[in-house]
């Protein structure tokens, strides 16, 4: 078999790991093509690979959902792939941890009127904290994942970089990776395009080669996040007022958890001009609406920050120019770090539209745009003047 793609990918994986041959590496295996190819490349590169899969939520509920991960059929696929690759494989029941640290947090965030990013929370807690401890207990010198980001050694330690393939880059979802975690983690696919990863899987005869990518939020059935929230936090469905930012009551809503900043549809109010959700006051159960220009944000404050740049923390880098990404689907925009009331903040050179508390603001270096400097979760926003 012509293994052109595989041979090149093995060399890339060996360079990404950077450890001696025979070193033990734990491969986090979700059952999808990316993590399966990661484990296979590490084994081909001569490492002592141990596959670990986390069972994160109920098999019965998840096994029916196509494009999910970490449950049901995907666990079976990971186990089968490990057999084909010829590596030991373990399944760890993290359902209670996942429920508490990710699903409950997701519901609470919506109840506060925020728009959470559960994939970041999952990476931050269950995968890159708890699973790393397991990898160390297994005697591993590193843990590898199928994420599309890169790791490089810098003057002050390892750096987190965007993936070579911008269409697959997952750096937004990994901003909370700490320096200590980054020292232990490896990302063998960060320098490869997705098409090449699938070609490698096909060359190796892995069943995951044609498996579709996971879609949406893994624990949300059919994309309806309110199903989960209504079950866990039914008080979020309590009715309240839809209020114009000028104080007029325009109508009623069926619960603050059904709305997010920037939303236009589903307001069920009839006025002349189009209106958008510009703020959610969960305590008063109010959905506040206004014209599109009211969505423009010139500054934002951050909570739960993580700093990978020079210095000890973000507050010590006040005034530093940054590129700020306020949603995973947007490109970073210029701004600079600031302090607002002693809290880390970002002032944007050009206002951004529809910035929502609970989302992440991920920061990149203008002088090296592929480098992640860190970031935080958006706590509050400042409306642009005008």
Protein backbone atom coordinates (compact mmCIF):
# COMPACT_ATOMS: atom_id res chain seq x y z
CA UNK A 1 0.00 0.00 0.00
CA UNK A 2 1.23 3.48 -0.84
CA UNK A 3 1.57 5.16 2.57
CA UNK A 4 2.62 8.58 1.32
CA UNK A 5 0.26 10.49 3.60
CA UNK A 6 0.85 8.22 6.58
CA UNK A 7 4.65 8.42 6.42
CA UNK A 8 4.59 12.22 6.35
CA UNK A 9 2.01 12.34 9.15
CA UNK A 10 4.08 9.99 11.32
CA UNK A 11 7.07 12.29 11.01
CA UNK A 12 4.88 15.27 11.87
CA UNK A 13 3.52 13.42 14.93
CA UNK A 14 7.03 12.49 16.06
CA UNK A 15 8.09 16.12 15.79
CA UNK A 16 4.98 17.30 17.65
CA UNK A 17 5.55 14.89 20.54
CA UNK A 18 9.29 15.43 20.77
CA UNK A 19 9.95 12.56 23.18
CA UNK A 20 12.38 9.64 22.98
CA UNK A 21 11.22 6.48 21.16
CA UNK A 22 9.39 4.15 23.52
CA UNK A 23 8.14 6.91 25.80
CA UNK A 24 4.65 6.30 27.13
CA UNK A 25 2.00 8.61 25.72
CA UNK A 26 -1.69 8.50 26.64
CA UNK A 27 -3.95 9.13 23.65
CA UNK A 28 -7.36 10.58 24.46
CA UNK A 29 -9.72 8.64 22.17
CA UNK A 30 -13.28 9.85 21.60
CA UNK A 31 -14.06 7.36 18.84
CA UNK A 32 -13.87 9.95 16.05
CA UNK A 33 -11.44 10.08 13.17
CA UNK A 34 -9.14 12.73 14.65
CA UNK A 35 -8.40 11.01 17.95
CA UNK A 36 -8.22 7.60 16.25
CA UNK A 37 -5.62 8.82 13.75
CA UNK A 38 -3.71 10.50 16.59
CA UNK A 39 -3.40 7.21 18.46
CA UNK A 40 -2.44 5.33 15.28
CA UNK A 41 0.26 7.84 14.34
CA UNK A 42 1.77 7.74 17.81
CA UNK A 43 1.94 3.94 17.69
CA UNK A 44 3.54 4.08 14.23
CA UNK A 45 6.04 6.62 15.54
CA UNK A 46 7.29 4.10 18.10
CA UNK A 47 5.71 5.37 21.30
CA UNK A 48 4.22 3.22 24.05
CA UNK A 49 0.63 4.32 23.49
CA UNK A 50 -2.26 3.82 25.91
CA UNK A 51 -5.73 4.76 24.69
CA UNK A 52 -8.19 6.27 27.16
CA UNK A 53 -11.84 7.07 26.48
CA UNK A 54 -14.14 8.98 28.78
CA UNK A 55 -17.76 7.95 29.09
CA UNK A 56 -19.36 11.30 29.80
CA UNK A 57 -23.09 10.76 29.68
CA UNK A 58 -25.74 8.07 29.49
CA UNK A 59 -25.18 5.40 26.87
CA UNK A 60 -28.85 4.84 26.20
CA UNK A 61 -29.65 8.49 25.53
CA UNK A 62 -26.52 9.21 23.53
CA UNK A 63 -26.17 6.09 21.44
CA UNK A 64 -29.05 7.23 19.23
CA UNK A 65 -27.51 10.60 18.43
CA UNK A 66 -25.40 10.83 15.29
CA UNK A 67 -22.34 13.01 15.49
CA UNK A 68 -22.04 12.82 19.27
CA UNK A 69 -18.92 11.85 21.17
CA UNK A 70 -17.88 10.13 24.39
CA UNK A 71 -20.87 7.82 24.66
CA UNK A 72 -22.54 4.74 23.21
CA UNK A 73 -21.37 3.84 19.72
CA UNK A 74 -18.37 6.15 19.95
CA UNK A 75 -16.95 4.26 22.92
CA UNK A 76 -17.38 1.04 20.99
CA UNK A 77 -15.62 2.61 17.99
CA UNK A 78 -12.71 3.76 20.16
CA UNK A 79 -12.31 0.32 21.68
CA UNK A 80 -12.41 -1.34 18.25
CA UNK A 81 -9.87 1.16 16.86
CA UNK A 82 -7.50 0.47 19.77
CA UNK A 83 -7.67 -3.25 18.96
CA UNK A 84 -6.86 -2.57 15.30
CA UNK A 85 -3.97 -0.27 16.24
CA UNK A 86 -2.74 -2.79 18.80
CA UNK A 87 -2.72 -0.66 21.93
CA UNK A 88 -4.27 -1.12 25.39
CA UNK A 89 -7.48 0.80 25.92
CA UNK A 90 -9.37 1.94 29.00
CA UNK A 91 -12.84 3.46 29.42
CA UNK A 92 -13.32 5.73 32.41
CA UNK A 93 -16.76 6.59 33.77
CA UNK A 94 -16.72 10.37 34.18
CA UNK A 95 -20.47 10.84 33.89
CA UNK A 96 -20.90 12.41 37.34
CA UNK A 97 -17.91 14.72 36.84
CA UNK A 98 -19.17 15.79 33.42
CA UNK A 99 -22.67 16.44 34.72
CA UNK A 100 -21.43 18.60 37.58
CA UNK A 101 -18.62 20.47 35.84
CA UNK A 102 -20.07 20.91 32.35
CA UNK A 103 -23.82 20.24 32.08
CA UNK A 104 -24.83 21.87 35.39
CA UNK A 105 -22.54 24.81 34.66
CA UNK A 106 -24.11 25.14 31.20
CA UNK A 107 -27.62 25.34 32.68
CA UNK A 108 -26.58 27.78 35.39
CA UNK A 109 -24.95 30.09 32.85
CA UNK A 110 -28.15 30.34 30.81
CA UNK A 111 -30.08 30.97 34.02
CA UNK A 112 -27.79 33.95 34.65
CA UNK A 113 -28.57 35.30 31.19
CA UNK A 114 -25.22 34.26 29.74
CA UNK A 115 -24.33 32.35 26.57
CA UNK A 116 -21.93 29.58 27.65
CA UNK A 117 -19.41 27.57 25.62
CA UNK A 118 -19.55 24.06 27.16
CA UNK A 119 -16.77 22.68 24.94
CA UNK A 120 -14.33 25.09 26.59
CA UNK A 121 -15.51 24.07 30.05
CA UNK A 122 -15.15 20.39 29.16
CA UNK A 123 -11.58 20.87 27.93
CA UNK A 124 -10.80 23.03 30.95
CA UNK A 125 -12.03 20.57 33.56
CA UNK A 126 -12.78 16.98 32.65
CA UNK A 127 -10.30 16.53 29.80
CA UNK A 128 -7.33 18.75 30.58
CA UNK A 129 -7.44 18.54 34.36
CA UNK A 130 -8.90 15.23 35.45
CA UNK A 131 -7.74 13.15 32.49
CA UNK A 132 -4.22 14.59 32.69
CA UNK A 133 -4.03 13.30 36.26
CA UNK A 134 -5.01 9.85 35.00
CA UNK A 135 -2.34 10.01 32.29
CA UNK A 136 0.32 10.80 34.88
CA UNK A 137 -0.91 7.98 37.10
CA UNK A 138 -0.44 5.64 34.12
CA UNK A 139 3.20 6.66 33.92
CA UNK A 140 2.85 8.72 30.75
CA UNK A 141 5.33 11.42 29.80
CA UNK A 142 2.68 13.21 27.72
CA UNK A 143 -0.96 13.11 26.71
CA UNK A 144 -1.95 13.58 23.08
CA UNK A 145 -5.31 14.67 21.69
CA UNK A 146 -6.82 15.07 18.23
CA UNK A 147 -7.40 18.81 18.60
CA UNK A 148 -6.42 21.07 15.74
CA UNK A 149 -3.96 23.35 17.52
CA UNK A 150 -0.19 23.40 17.71
CA UNK A 151 2.31 23.50 20.54
CA UNK A 152 5.76 25.00 20.18
CA UNK A 153 8.62 25.66 22.55
CA UNK A 154 9.19 29.35 23.22
CA UNK A 155 11.77 31.32 25.18
CA UNK A 156 9.65 31.15 28.32
CA UNK A 157 8.14 27.68 27.87
CA UNK A 158 5.61 26.00 25.58
CA UNK A 159 3.31 28.15 23.48
CA UNK A 160 -0.17 27.43 22.11
CA UNK A 161 -0.57 28.17 18.40
CA UNK A 162 -3.42 28.09 15.92
CA UNK A 163 -3.67 25.09 13.59
CA UNK A 164 -2.13 25.24 10.15
CA UNK A 165 -5.58 24.64 8.63
CA UNK A 166 -7.60 27.76 9.57
CA UNK A 167 -10.88 26.01 8.77
CA UNK A 168 -10.17 23.43 11.51
CA UNK A 169 -8.44 25.61 14.10
CA UNK A 170 -9.71 24.93 17.64
CA UNK A 171 -7.57 27.40 19.56
CA UNK A 172 -10.65 29.37 20.66
CA UNK A 173 -11.86 26.33 22.60
CA UNK A 174 -8.49 25.69 24.25
CA UNK A 175 -7.60 29.18 25.51
CA UNK A 176 -8.01 28.02 29.13
CA UNK A 177 -5.18 25.48 28.81
CA UNK A 178 -2.69 26.42 31.51
CA UNK A 179 1.08 26.52 31.18
CA UNK A 180 1.45 23.40 33.31
CA UNK A 181 -1.11 21.54 31.22
CA UNK A 182 0.49 22.70 27.98
CA UNK A 183 3.83 21.38 29.18
CA UNK A 184 2.30 17.87 29.29
CA UNK A 185 0.00 18.02 26.25
CA UNK A 186 0.77 17.22 22.61
CA UNK A 187 -1.30 17.90 19.45
CA UNK A 188 -0.03 15.75 16.55
CA UNK A 189 -2.71 16.90 14.06
CA UNK A 190 -2.21 20.64 14.42
CA UNK A 191 -0.02 20.90 11.34
CA UNK A 192 -2.24 18.75 9.10
CA UNK A 193 -5.33 19.59 7.02
CA UNK A 194 -8.43 17.53 7.82
CA UNK A 195 -8.51 15.99 4.34
CA UNK A 196 -5.04 14.55 4.92
CA UNK A 197 -6.09 13.13 8.29
CA UNK A 198 -8.92 11.25 6.60
CA UNK A 199 -6.51 10.01 3.92
CA UNK A 200 -4.21 8.68 6.65
CA UNK A 201 -7.16 6.90 8.29
CA UNK A 202 -8.03 5.30 4.95
CA UNK A 203 -4.44 4.21 4.32
CA UNK A 204 -4.32 2.59 7.76
CA UNK A 205 -7.65 0.83 7.21
CA UNK A 206 -9.32 2.55 10.14
CA UNK A 207 -13.11 2.40 10.18
CA UNK A 208 -13.25 6.01 11.38
CA UNK A 209 -11.96 7.26 8.01
CA UNK A 210 -15.50 7.97 6.80
CA UNK A 211 -17.07 8.75 10.14
CA UNK A 212 -18.77 12.19 10.18
CA UNK A 213 -17.45 14.88 12.49
CA UNK A 214 -19.28 15.53 15.74
CA UNK A 215 -21.79 18.35 15.48
CA UNK A 216 -23.33 20.83 17.90
CA UNK A 217 -23.09 20.31 21.66
CA UNK A 218 -22.57 16.63 22.40
CA UNK A 219 -25.06 16.34 25.28
CA UNK A 220 -27.84 18.43 23.71
CA UNK A 221 -30.40 16.25 21.90
CA UNK A 222 -31.00 17.41 18.32
CA UNK A 223 -29.57 20.85 19.05
CA UNK A 224 -32.41 21.88 21.39
CA UNK A 225 -30.47 23.19 24.38
CA UNK A 226 -33.66 24.30 26.15
CA UNK A 227 -34.59 20.62 26.63
CA UNK A 228 -31.63 20.21 28.97
CA UNK A 229 -32.11 23.54 30.75
CA UNK A 230 -35.83 23.06 31.30
CA UNK A 231 -35.15 19.73 32.96
CA UNK A 232 -32.30 20.95 35.17
CA UNK A 233 -33.41 24.53 35.84
CA UNK A 234 -37.17 24.77 35.21
CA UNK A 235 -37.28 28.24 36.77
CA UNK A 236 -35.52 29.49 33.63
CA UNK A 237 -38.80 29.04 31.76
CA UNK A 238 -40.66 31.52 33.97
CA UNK A 239 -42.32 34.26 31.94
CA UNK A 240 -41.24 37.89 32.07
CA UNK A 241 -41.29 41.15 30.18
CA UNK A 242 -39.71 42.06 26.86
CA UNK A 243 -38.55 45.62 27.51
CA UNK A 244 -37.21 48.20 25.08
CA UNK A 245 -33.98 49.80 26.23
CA UNK A 246 -35.90 53.08 26.53
CA UNK A 247 -38.07 51.49 29.24
CA UNK A 248 -41.20 50.58 27.27
CA UNK A 249 -42.70 47.15 27.95
CA UNK A 250 -43.32 45.61 24.52
CA UNK A 251 -44.56 42.16 25.39
CA UNK A 252 -43.94 38.92 27.30
CA UNK A 253 -41.41 36.12 26.92
CA UNK A 254 -41.42 32.47 27.98
CA UNK A 255 -38.14 32.41 29.90
CA UNK A 256 -34.76 34.16 29.79
CA UNK A 257 -32.99 30.89 28.95
CA UNK A 258 -34.55 31.00 25.47
CA UNK A 259 -32.66 34.13 24.45
CA UNK A 260 -29.13 35.27 23.76
CA UNK A 261 -27.50 38.56 22.87
CA UNK A 262 -28.02 39.50 19.23
CA UNK A 263 -31.12 37.35 18.77
CA UNK A 264 -33.85 38.78 16.54
CA UNK A 265 -36.23 35.91 15.89
CA UNK A 266 -38.68 34.60 18.43
CA UNK A 267 -39.32 37.89 20.22
CA UNK A 268 -43.03 37.88 19.32
CA UNK A 269 -43.33 41.63 19.37
CA UNK A 270 -44.63 43.84 16.57
CA UNK A 271 -43.04 47.26 16.21
CA UNK A 272 -41.99 49.21 13.16
CA UNK A 273 -38.22 48.71 13.22
CA UNK A 274 -36.31 45.44 13.69
CA UNK A 275 -35.26 44.87 17.29
CA UNK A 276 -32.57 42.65 18.77
CA UNK A 277 -31.82 41.28 22.22
CA UNK A 278 -29.22 43.68 23.64
CA UNK A 279 -29.24 42.57 27.28
CA UNK A 280 -30.72 39.91 29.53
CA UNK A 281 -31.53 40.84 33.13
CA UNK A 282 -32.05 37.42 34.67
CA UNK A 283 -32.79 38.75 38.16
CA UNK A 284 -35.71 40.83 36.87
CA UNK A 285 -36.61 38.18 34.25
CA UNK A 286 -36.36 40.86 31.56
CA UNK A 287 -35.27 40.46 27.95
CA UNK A 288 -34.13 43.91 26.86
CA UNK A 289 -34.28 44.81 23.19
CA UNK A 290 -33.07 47.65 21.01
CA UNK A 291 -31.89 48.63 17.52
CA UNK A 292 -28.97 46.87 15.87
CA UNK A 293 -26.52 49.66 16.66
CA UNK A 294 -27.11 48.98 20.37
CA UNK A 295 -25.34 45.65 19.89
CA UNK A 296 -21.98 47.34 19.26
CA UNK A 297 -19.46 46.76 22.06
CA UNK A 298 -16.30 48.83 22.51
CA UNK A 299 -14.90 47.17 25.66
CA UNK A 300 -15.44 44.11 27.82
CA UNK A 301 -14.31 42.78 31.16
CA UNK A 302 -13.11 39.22 31.71
CA UNK A 303 -13.43 36.63 34.44
CA UNK A 304 -11.64 33.27 34.91
CA UNK A 305 -8.71 34.51 32.87
CA UNK A 306 -5.80 32.40 31.67
CA UNK A 307 -2.53 33.97 30.54
CA UNK A 308 0.05 32.31 28.29
CA UNK A 309 1.92 35.48 27.34
CA UNK A 310 5.00 37.02 28.91
CA UNK A 311 4.75 37.73 32.63
CA UNK A 312 2.78 36.07 35.36
CA UNK A 313 -0.76 37.19 34.55
CA UNK A 314 -2.93 39.29 32.29
CA UNK A 315 -3.18 42.26 34.63
CA UNK A 316 0.59 42.72 34.36
CA UNK A 317 0.30 43.25 30.60
CA UNK A 318 -2.00 46.30 30.66
CA UNK A 319 -1.63 48.34 27.48
CA UNK A 320 -0.38 45.40 25.44
CA UNK A 321 -1.83 45.30 21.91
CA UNK A 322 -3.81 42.12 21.25
CA UNK A 323 -6.03 40.50 18.66
CA UNK A 324 -9.32 39.63 20.36
CA UNK A 325 -11.71 36.91 19.19
CA UNK A 326 -15.12 37.23 20.82
CA UNK A 327 -16.80 34.27 19.10
CA UNK A 328 -15.42 31.06 17.64
CA UNK A 329 -16.79 31.89 14.19
CA UNK A 330 -15.19 35.35 13.99
CA UNK A 331 -11.69 36.42 13.14
CA UNK A 332 -9.71 38.25 15.84
CA UNK A 333 -9.85 42.06 15.82
CA UNK A 334 -7.30 44.59 17.14
CA UNK A 335 -7.53 45.93 20.67
CA UNK A 336 -5.49 46.26 23.83
CA UNK A 337 -5.48 44.98 27.39
CA UNK A 338 -6.77 47.28 30.11
CA UNK A 339 -8.00 47.33 33.69
CA UNK A 340 -11.55 48.31 34.58
CA UNK A 341 -12.09 48.57 38.33
CA UNK A 342 -9.11 46.32 38.94
CA UNK A 343 -10.49 43.66 36.58
CA UNK A 344 -8.83 42.53 33.35
CA UNK A 345 -10.50 44.10 30.32
CA UNK A 346 -10.11 44.42 26.57
CA UNK A 347 -10.67 47.68 24.72
CA UNK A 348 -11.48 47.12 21.04
CA UNK A 349 -10.16 49.42 18.32
CA UNK A 350 -13.35 48.87 16.34
CA UNK A 351 -16.64 47.94 18.08
CA UNK A 352 -17.83 44.35 17.70
CA UNK A 353 -21.48 43.39 17.35
CA UNK A 354 -23.42 41.05 19.60
CA UNK A 355 -20.77 40.32 22.23
CA UNK A 356 -22.41 38.10 24.85
CA UNK A 357 -21.47 37.52 28.50
CA UNK A 358 -20.50 33.89 29.03
CA UNK A 359 -18.75 33.60 25.68
CA UNK A 360 -14.96 33.52 25.59
CA UNK A 361 -12.68 36.31 24.48
CA UNK A 362 -9.50 34.69 23.22
CA UNK A 363 -6.40 36.81 22.72
CA UNK A 364 -3.70 36.43 20.08
CA UNK A 365 -0.41 38.26 19.57
CA UNK A 366 -0.49 40.90 16.79
CA UNK A 367 3.23 40.35 16.14
CA UNK A 368 2.65 36.59 15.87
CA UNK A 369 -1.06 36.19 14.98
CA UNK A 370 -1.04 32.41 15.28
CA UNK A 371 0.04 32.55 18.94
CA UNK A 372 -2.56 32.35 21.70
CA UNK A 373 -1.83 34.74 24.55
CA UNK A 374 -4.72 33.52 26.69
CA UNK A 375 -8.16 34.93 27.34
CA UNK A 376 -11.13 34.75 29.64
CA UNK A 377 -14.89 34.46 29.81
CA UNK A 378 -16.77 37.67 29.05
CA UNK A 379 -18.26 39.04 32.27
CA UNK A 380 -19.66 42.40 31.16
CA UNK A 381 -19.66 44.60 28.07
CA UNK A 382 -19.53 48.33 27.43
CA UNK A 383 -21.73 49.69 24.71
CA UNK A 384 -20.02 51.72 22.00
CA UNK A 385 -20.77 55.43 22.11
CA UNK A 386 -23.14 56.77 19.49
